Amino acid sequence: MDKPTIADKQPIPVELKAGETYAWCSCGNSSKQPFCDGSHKGTSFTPTVFTAEESKTAYMCMCKYTKNPGMCDGAHKKL
């Protein structure tokens, strides 16, 4: 299994809007972090696509090792 590129070792706060669809970068190579720009093409990675259920500030994973794809779960503290 390929290992993702660590974009940062801390989460990034993002304002999500209810009903909008987002694609979280799982490979770590996107220039539009934490969102996908297609940089994963040709790799084993695919973005995690989700629709925000509510408008809120979400702390999104930048280390790409979260067990809750898209959202920070503190995995960066162990890297």
C-alpha atoms as a PDB file:
ATOM      1  CA  MET A   1       0.000   0.000   0.000  1.00  0.00           C
ATOM      2  CA  ASP A   2       1.266   3.449  -0.901  1.00  0.00           C
ATOM      3  CA  LYS A   3       1.901   5.985   1.833  1.00  0.00           C
ATOM      4  CA  PRO A   4       0.382   9.463   1.515  1.00  0.00           C
ATOM      5  CA  THR A   5       2.440  12.631   1.502  1.00  0.00           C
ATOM      6  CA  ILE A   6       2.083  14.485   4.803  1.00  0.00           C
ATOM      7  CA  ALA A   7       0.813  17.939   3.824  1.00  0.00           C
ATOM      8  CA  ASP A   8       1.079  19.239   7.427  1.00  0.00           C
ATOM      9  CA  LYS A   9       1.225  17.855  10.964  1.00  0.00           C
ATOM     10  CA  GLN A  10      -1.749  19.821  12.220  1.00  0.00           C
ATOM     11  CA  PRO A  11      -5.366  20.081  11.110  1.00  0.00           C
ATOM     12  CA  ILE A  12      -6.685  22.987   9.085  1.00  0.00           C
ATOM     13  CA  PRO A  13      -9.958  24.724   9.994  1.00  0.00           C
ATOM     14  CA  VAL A  14     -12.390  24.889   7.071  1.00  0.00           C
ATOM     15  CA  GLU A  15     -15.816  26.525   6.913  1.00  0.00           C
ATOM     16  CA  LEU A  16     -18.172  23.908   5.483  1.00  0.00           C
ATOM     17  CA  LYS A  17     -21.572  24.866   4.113  1.00  0.00           C
ATOM     18  CA  ALA A  18     -24.603  22.606   4.594  1.00  0.00           C
ATOM     19  CA  GLY A  19     -25.552  20.754   1.412  1.00  0.00           C
ATOM     20  CA  GLU A  20     -22.263  21.422  -0.408  1.00  0.00           C
ATOM     21  CA  THR A  21     -20.148  18.528  -1.658  1.00  0.00           C
ATOM     22  CA  TYR A  22     -16.406  18.403  -0.975  1.00  0.00           C
ATOM     23  CA  ALA A  23     -13.570  16.098  -2.061  1.00  0.00           C
ATOM     24  CA  TRP A  24     -10.882  15.681   0.620  1.00  0.00           C
ATOM     25  CA  CYS A  25      -7.388  14.949  -0.690  1.00  0.00           C
ATOM     26  CA  SER A  26      -6.181  11.569   0.599  1.00  0.00           C
ATOM     27  CA  CYS A  27      -2.817  11.490  -1.202  1.00  0.00           C
ATOM     28  CA  GLY A  28      -1.371  14.704   0.226  1.00  0.00           C
ATOM     29  CA  ASN A  29      -0.173  16.019  -3.136  1.00  0.00           C
ATOM     30  CA  SER A  30      -2.969  18.478  -3.926  1.00  0.00           C
ATOM     31  CA  SER A  31      -2.063  22.151  -4.257  1.00  0.00           C
ATOM     32  CA  LYS A  32      -5.575  22.964  -2.962  1.00  0.00           C
ATOM     33  CA  GLN A  33      -5.179  21.325   0.491  1.00  0.00           C
ATOM     34  CA  PRO A  34      -7.162  19.936   2.177  1.00  0.00           C
ATOM     35  CA  PHE A  35      -9.210  19.412  -0.986  1.00  0.00           C
ATOM     36  CA  CYS A  36      -8.471  17.344  -4.088  1.00  0.00           C
ATOM     37  CA  ASP A  37      -7.090  18.869  -7.288  1.00  0.00           C
ATOM     38  CA  GLY A  38      -6.628  15.558  -9.135  1.00  0.00           C
ATOM     39  CA  SER A  39      -2.973  15.068  -8.157  1.00  0.00           C
ATOM     40  CA  HIS A  40      -3.758  11.474  -7.118  1.00  0.00           C
ATOM     41  CA  LYS A  41      -4.217  10.379 -10.740  1.00  0.00           C
ATOM     42  CA  GLY A  42      -1.925   7.455 -11.485  1.00  0.00           C
ATOM     43  CA  THR A  43      -1.697   6.453  -7.800  1.00  0.00           C
ATOM     44  CA  SER A  44      -3.706   4.092  -5.598  1.00  0.00           C
ATOM     45  CA  PHE A  45      -5.357   7.049  -3.827  1.00  0.00           C
ATOM     46  CA  THR A  46      -8.842   8.424  -4.363  1.00  0.00           C
ATOM     47  CA  PRO A  47     -10.387  11.475  -2.711  1.00  0.00           C
ATOM     48  CA  THR A  48     -13.022  11.120  -0.004  1.00  0.00           C
ATOM     49  CA  VAL A  49     -16.164  12.810  -1.299  1.00  0.00           C
ATOM     50  CA  PHE A  50     -18.737  13.996   1.240  1.00  0.00           C
ATOM     51  CA  THR A  51     -21.652  16.400   1.566  1.00  0.00           C
ATOM     52  CA  ALA A  52     -21.694  18.654   4.627  1.00  0.00           C
ATOM     53  CA  GLU A  53     -24.750  17.943   6.762  1.00  0.00           C
ATOM     54  CA  GLU A  54     -24.511  21.295   8.524  1.00  0.00           C
ATOM     55  CA  SER A  55     -22.665  24.586   8.181  1.00  0.00           C
ATOM     56  CA  LYS A  56     -19.767  24.569  10.628  1.00  0.00           C
ATOM     57  CA  THR A  57     -16.046  24.893  11.130  1.00  0.00           C
ATOM     58  CA  ALA A  58     -14.472  21.487  10.538  1.00  0.00           C
ATOM     59  CA  TYR A  59     -10.900  20.602  11.450  1.00  0.00           C
ATOM     60  CA  MET A  60      -9.712  18.664   8.453  1.00  0.00           C
ATOM     61  CA  CYS A  61      -6.821  16.217   8.415  1.00  0.00           C
ATOM     62  CA  MET A  62      -3.641  17.347   6.712  1.00  0.00           C
ATOM     63  CA  CYS A  63      -1.362  14.449   7.703  1.00  0.00           C
ATOM     64  CA  LYS A  64      -3.551  12.007   5.702  1.00  0.00           C
ATOM     65  CA  TYR A  65      -3.255   9.259   8.353  1.00  0.00           C
ATOM     66  CA  THR A  66      -6.657   9.833  10.004  1.00  0.00           C
ATOM     67  CA  LYS A  67      -8.927   6.841  10.609  1.00  0.00           C
ATOM     68  CA  ASN A  68     -11.885   9.199   9.957  1.00  0.00           C
ATOM     69  CA  PRO A  69     -11.145  10.280   6.348  1.00  0.00           C
ATOM     70  CA  GLY A  70     -11.368  14.014   5.955  1.00  0.00           C
ATOM     71  CA  MET A  71     -11.576  14.914   9.613  1.00  0.00           C
ATOM     72  CA  CYS A  72      -8.667  15.155  12.029  1.00  0.00           C
ATOM     73  CA  ASP A  73      -8.565  12.411  14.672  1.00  0.00           C
ATOM     74  CA  GLY A  74      -5.195  13.380  16.183  1.00  0.00           C
ATOM     75  CA  ALA A  75      -3.174  10.857  14.136  1.00  0.00           C
ATOM     76  CA  HIS A  76      -0.623  13.610  13.374  1.00  0.00           C
ATOM     77  CA  LYS A  77       0.508  13.500  17.022  1.00  0.00           C
ATOM     78  CA  LYS A  78       1.972  10.013  16.426  1.00  0.00           C
ATOM     79  CA  LEU A  79       3.955  10.873  13.289  1.00  0.00           C
END
